[in-house]
C-alpha atoms as a PDB file:
ATOM      1  CA  UNK A   1      18.768  -3.569 -19.014  1.00  0.00           C
ATOM      2  CA  UNK A   2      19.876  -0.490 -19.159  1.00  0.00           C
ATOM      3  CA  UNK A   3      17.851   2.658 -17.446  1.00  0.00           C
ATOM      4  CA  UNK A   4      18.329   5.508 -18.724  1.00  0.00           C
ATOM      5  CA  UNK A   5      15.727   8.854 -16.731  1.00  0.00           C
ATOM      6  CA  UNK A   6      14.592  12.188 -18.246  1.00  0.00           C
ATOM      7  CA  UNK A   7      12.252  15.398 -17.470  1.00  0.00           C
ATOM      8  CA  UNK A   8      14.669  16.004 -15.003  1.00  0.00           C
ATOM      9  CA  UNK A   9      14.758  19.695 -13.978  1.00  0.00           C
ATOM     10  CA  UNK A  10      13.721  22.941 -12.012  1.00  0.00           C
ATOM     11  CA  UNK A  11      10.755  23.615 -11.544  1.00  0.00           C
ATOM     12  CA  UNK A  12       8.538  26.304  -8.486  1.00  0.00           C
ATOM     13  CA  UNK A  13       7.747  25.229  -5.475  1.00  0.00           C
ATOM     14  CA  UNK A  14       3.399  24.241  -5.925  1.00  0.00           C
ATOM     15  CA  UNK A  15       4.831  23.685  -9.486  1.00  0.00           C
ATOM     16  CA  UNK A  16       4.408  19.643 -11.523  1.00  0.00           C
ATOM     17  CA  UNK A  17       6.943  17.939 -12.557  1.00  0.00           C
ATOM     18  CA  UNK A  18       7.100  14.410 -14.862  1.00  0.00           C
ATOM     19  CA  UNK A  19      10.567  12.048 -14.783  1.00  0.00           C
ATOM     20  CA  UNK A  20      10.595   8.494 -16.778  1.00  0.00           C
ATOM     21  CA  UNK A  21      12.272   5.940 -16.792  1.00  0.00           C
ATOM     22  CA  UNK A  22      13.092   3.700 -19.938  1.00  0.00           C
ATOM     23  CA  UNK A  23      14.602   0.764 -20.022  1.00  0.00           C
ATOM     24  CA  UNK A  24      16.403  -1.679 -22.755  1.00  0.00           C
ATOM     25  CA  UNK A  25      15.731  -5.447 -23.146  1.00  0.00           C
ATOM     26  CA  UNK A  26      12.531  -7.193 -23.914  1.00  0.00           C
ATOM     27  CA  UNK A  27      11.306  -8.052 -20.816  1.00  0.00           C
ATOM     28  CA  UNK A  28      10.352  -5.366 -18.786  1.00  0.00           C
ATOM     29  CA  UNK A  29       7.525  -6.805 -17.324  1.00  0.00           C
ATOM     30  CA  UNK A  30       9.967  -9.451 -15.048  1.00  0.00           C
ATOM     31  CA  UNK A  31      11.034  -6.416 -13.645  1.00  0.00           C
ATOM     32  CA  UNK A  32       8.773  -4.555 -10.595  1.00  0.00           C
ATOM     33  CA  UNK A  33      10.562  -0.659 -10.661  1.00  0.00           C
ATOM     34  CA  UNK A  34      11.274   1.645  -8.079  1.00  0.00           C
ATOM     35  CA  UNK A  35      12.169   5.314  -8.094  1.00  0.00           C
ATOM     36  CA  UNK A  36      14.493   6.594  -5.384  1.00  0.00           C
ATOM     37  CA  UNK A  37      16.243   9.715  -4.799  1.00  0.00           C
ATOM     38  CA  UNK A  38      19.438  11.414  -3.220  1.00  0.00           C
ATOM     39  CA  UNK A  39      19.694  14.703  -0.898  1.00  0.00           C
ATOM     40  CA  UNK A  40      22.822  16.999  -0.569  1.00  0.00           C
ATOM     41  CA  UNK A  41      23.765  15.232   2.653  1.00  0.00           C
ATOM     42  CA  UNK A  42      21.268  12.150   3.085  1.00  0.00           C
ATOM     43  CA  UNK A  43      20.926   8.804   2.248  1.00  0.00           C
ATOM     44  CA  UNK A  44      19.102   7.312  -0.790  1.00  0.00           C
ATOM     45  CA  UNK A  45      15.067   6.680   0.019  1.00  0.00           C
ATOM     46  CA  UNK A  46      12.791   5.219  -1.904  1.00  0.00           C
ATOM     47  CA  UNK A  47       9.462   7.307  -2.888  1.00  0.00           C
ATOM     48  CA  UNK A  48       7.552   5.012  -4.948  1.00  0.00           C
ATOM     49  CA  UNK A  49       7.909   1.053  -6.118  1.00  0.00           C
ATOM     50  CA  UNK A  50       5.433  -0.150  -8.857  1.00  0.00           C
ATOM     51  CA  UNK A  51       5.098  -4.553  -8.829  1.00  0.00           C
ATOM     52  CA  UNK A  52       5.672  -6.092 -12.390  1.00  0.00           C
ATOM     53  CA  UNK A  53       2.127  -5.898 -13.851  1.00  0.00           C
ATOM     54  CA  UNK A  54       1.710  -2.691 -12.112  1.00  0.00           C
ATOM     55  CA  UNK A  55      -0.979  -3.522  -9.681  1.00  0.00           C
ATOM     56  CA  UNK A  56       0.330  -2.849  -6.764  1.00  0.00           C
ATOM     57  CA  UNK A  57       2.510   0.812  -6.161  1.00  0.00           C
ATOM     58  CA  UNK A  58       3.765   2.285  -2.561  1.00  0.00           C
ATOM     59  CA  UNK A  59       4.813   5.675  -1.401  1.00  0.00           C
ATOM     60  CA  UNK A  60       6.905   6.641   1.070  1.00  0.00           C
ATOM     61  CA  UNK A  61       4.722   9.030   3.824  1.00  0.00           C
ATOM     62  CA  UNK A  62       6.374  12.623   2.034  1.00  0.00           C
ATOM     63  CA  UNK A  63       5.399  12.288  -1.218  1.00  0.00           C
ATOM     64  CA  UNK A  64       1.479  10.204  -0.593  1.00  0.00           C
ATOM     65  CA  UNK A  65      -0.865  11.837  -2.045  1.00  0.00           C
ATOM     66  CA  UNK A  66       1.506  13.215  -4.770  1.00  0.00           C
ATOM     67  CA  UNK A  67       3.600  11.558  -6.228  1.00  0.00           C
ATOM     68  CA  UNK A  68       1.973   8.833  -8.499  1.00  0.00           C
ATOM     69  CA  UNK A  69       3.731   5.995 -10.079  1.00  0.00           C
ATOM     70  CA  UNK A  70       3.269   4.294 -13.245  1.00  0.00           C
ATOM     71  CA  UNK A  71       4.482   1.981 -15.705  1.00  0.00           C
ATOM     72  CA  UNK A  72       3.488   0.844 -19.764  1.00  0.00           C
ATOM     73  CA  UNK A  73       4.986  -2.472 -20.075  1.00  0.00           C
ATOM     74  CA  UNK A  74       4.426  -2.526 -23.338  1.00  0.00           C
ATOM     75  CA  UNK A  75       6.766   0.987 -23.819  1.00  0.00           C
ATOM     76  CA  UNK A  76       9.443  -0.969 -20.814  1.00  0.00           C
ATOM     77  CA  UNK A  77       9.211   2.914 -18.987  1.00  0.00           C
ATOM     78  CA  UNK A  78       7.620   3.473 -15.205  1.00  0.00           C
ATOM     79  CA  UNK A  79       7.046   7.116 -14.718  1.00  0.00           C
ATOM     80  CA  UNK A  80       6.569   9.425 -11.443  1.00  0.00           C
ATOM     81  CA  UNK A  81       4.245  11.953 -11.948  1.00  0.00           C
ATOM     82  CA  UNK A  82       4.814  15.230  -9.285  1.00  0.00           C
ATOM     83  CA  UNK A  83       2.532  17.281  -8.133  1.00  0.00           C
ATOM     84  CA  UNK A  84       2.652  19.860  -5.278  1.00  0.00           C
ATOM     85  CA  UNK A  85       6.375  20.093  -5.043  1.00  0.00           C
ATOM     86  CA  UNK A  86       8.337  21.183  -2.169  1.00  0.00           C
ATOM     87  CA  UNK A  87      11.506  23.020  -1.580  1.00  0.00           C
ATOM     88  CA  UNK A  88      12.608  19.100   0.092  1.00  0.00           C
ATOM     89  CA  UNK A  89      11.608  17.300  -3.158  1.00  0.00           C
ATOM     90  CA  UNK A  90      14.921  18.283  -4.706  1.00  0.00           C
ATOM     91  CA  UNK A  91      17.034  15.440  -4.758  1.00  0.00           C
ATOM     92  CA  UNK A  92      18.859  13.489  -7.328  1.00  0.00           C
ATOM     93  CA  UNK A  93      15.898  10.568  -8.394  1.00  0.00           C
ATOM     94  CA  UNK A  94      17.722   7.522  -9.986  1.00  0.00           C
ATOM     95  CA  UNK A  95      15.079   3.905 -11.026  1.00  0.00           C
ATOM     96  CA  UNK A  96      15.530   0.657 -10.263  1.00  0.00           C
ATOM     97  CA  UNK A  97      14.863  -2.283 -11.569  1.00  0.00           C
ATOM     98  CA  UNK A  98      15.217  -5.586  -9.914  1.00  0.00           C
ATOM     99  CA  UNK A  99      14.177  -9.114 -11.462  1.00  0.00           C
ATOM    100  CA  UNK A 100      11.470 -10.942 -10.125  1.00  0.00           C
ATOM    101  CA  UNK A 101       8.552 -13.283 -10.186  1.00  0.00           C
ATOM    102  CA  UNK A 102       6.849 -12.429  -7.431  1.00  0.00           C
ATOM    103  CA  UNK A 103       4.030  -9.689  -8.044  1.00  0.00           C
ATOM    104  CA  UNK A 104       5.885  -7.466  -5.418  1.00  0.00           C
ATOM    105  CA  UNK A 105       6.742  -4.572  -5.015  1.00  0.00           C
ATOM    106  CA  UNK A 106      10.353  -3.828  -3.350  1.00  0.00           C
ATOM    107  CA  UNK A 107      11.513  -0.745  -1.263  1.00  0.00           C
ATOM    108  CA  UNK A 108      15.003  -1.544   0.358  1.00  0.00           C
ATOM    109  CA  UNK A 109      17.669  -0.260  -2.325  1.00  0.00           C
ATOM    110  CA  UNK A 110      19.216  -3.397  -1.718  1.00  0.00           C
ATOM    111  CA  UNK A 111      17.525  -4.823  -3.499  1.00  0.00           C
ATOM    112  CA  UNK A 112      17.407  -4.063  -7.145  1.00  0.00           C
ATOM    113  CA  UNK A 113      19.956  -5.051  -9.887  1.00  0.00           C
ATOM    114  CA  UNK A 114      19.934  -2.664 -12.014  1.00  0.00           C
ATOM    115  CA  UNK A 115      20.343   1.386 -11.889  1.00  0.00           C
ATOM    116  CA  UNK A 116      19.764   4.415 -13.464  1.00  0.00           C
ATOM    117  CA  UNK A 117      22.279   7.255 -14.042  1.00  0.00           C
ATOM    118  CA  UNK A 118      20.230   9.987 -12.112  1.00  0.00           C
ATOM    119  CA  UNK A 119      18.426  12.885 -12.537  1.00  0.00           C
ATOM    120  CA  UNK A 120      18.019  16.175 -11.026  1.00  0.00           C
ATOM    121  CA  UNK A 121      14.864  17.152 -10.152  1.00  0.00           C
ATOM    122  CA  UNK A 122      15.590  20.943  -8.650  1.00  0.00           C
ATOM    123  CA  UNK A 123      12.502  22.687  -6.386  1.00  0.00           C
ATOM    124  CA  UNK A 124      12.823  26.348  -5.613  1.00  0.00           C
ATOM    125  CA  UNK A 125      10.890  28.519  -2.958  1.00  0.00           C
END
């Protein structure tokens, strides 16, 4: 599976941005997906995750109520809608895919099999 993120950019604090991740292949509905971010000097963290059917989601406390993860299995795409952005949301955002037959989402980055190249999100104050 190849993952390609798009939609990053520069936005002012309080603004919104949506990032997308398009996956190659015909078995996208067999992959749980996650969005991770890594800021300079910090560890990569999971900000949101979604199970293979889109029926279960996870959000880190720092983004809960502001970010929304969703997926369209017909379009092989997972999305992250980011609202009320803060300067501390500035990071490189990565999508990741985990092959699974289970209905869980996954938070641990070591669980994931495939990663995108990342897209920069910068929030100015």
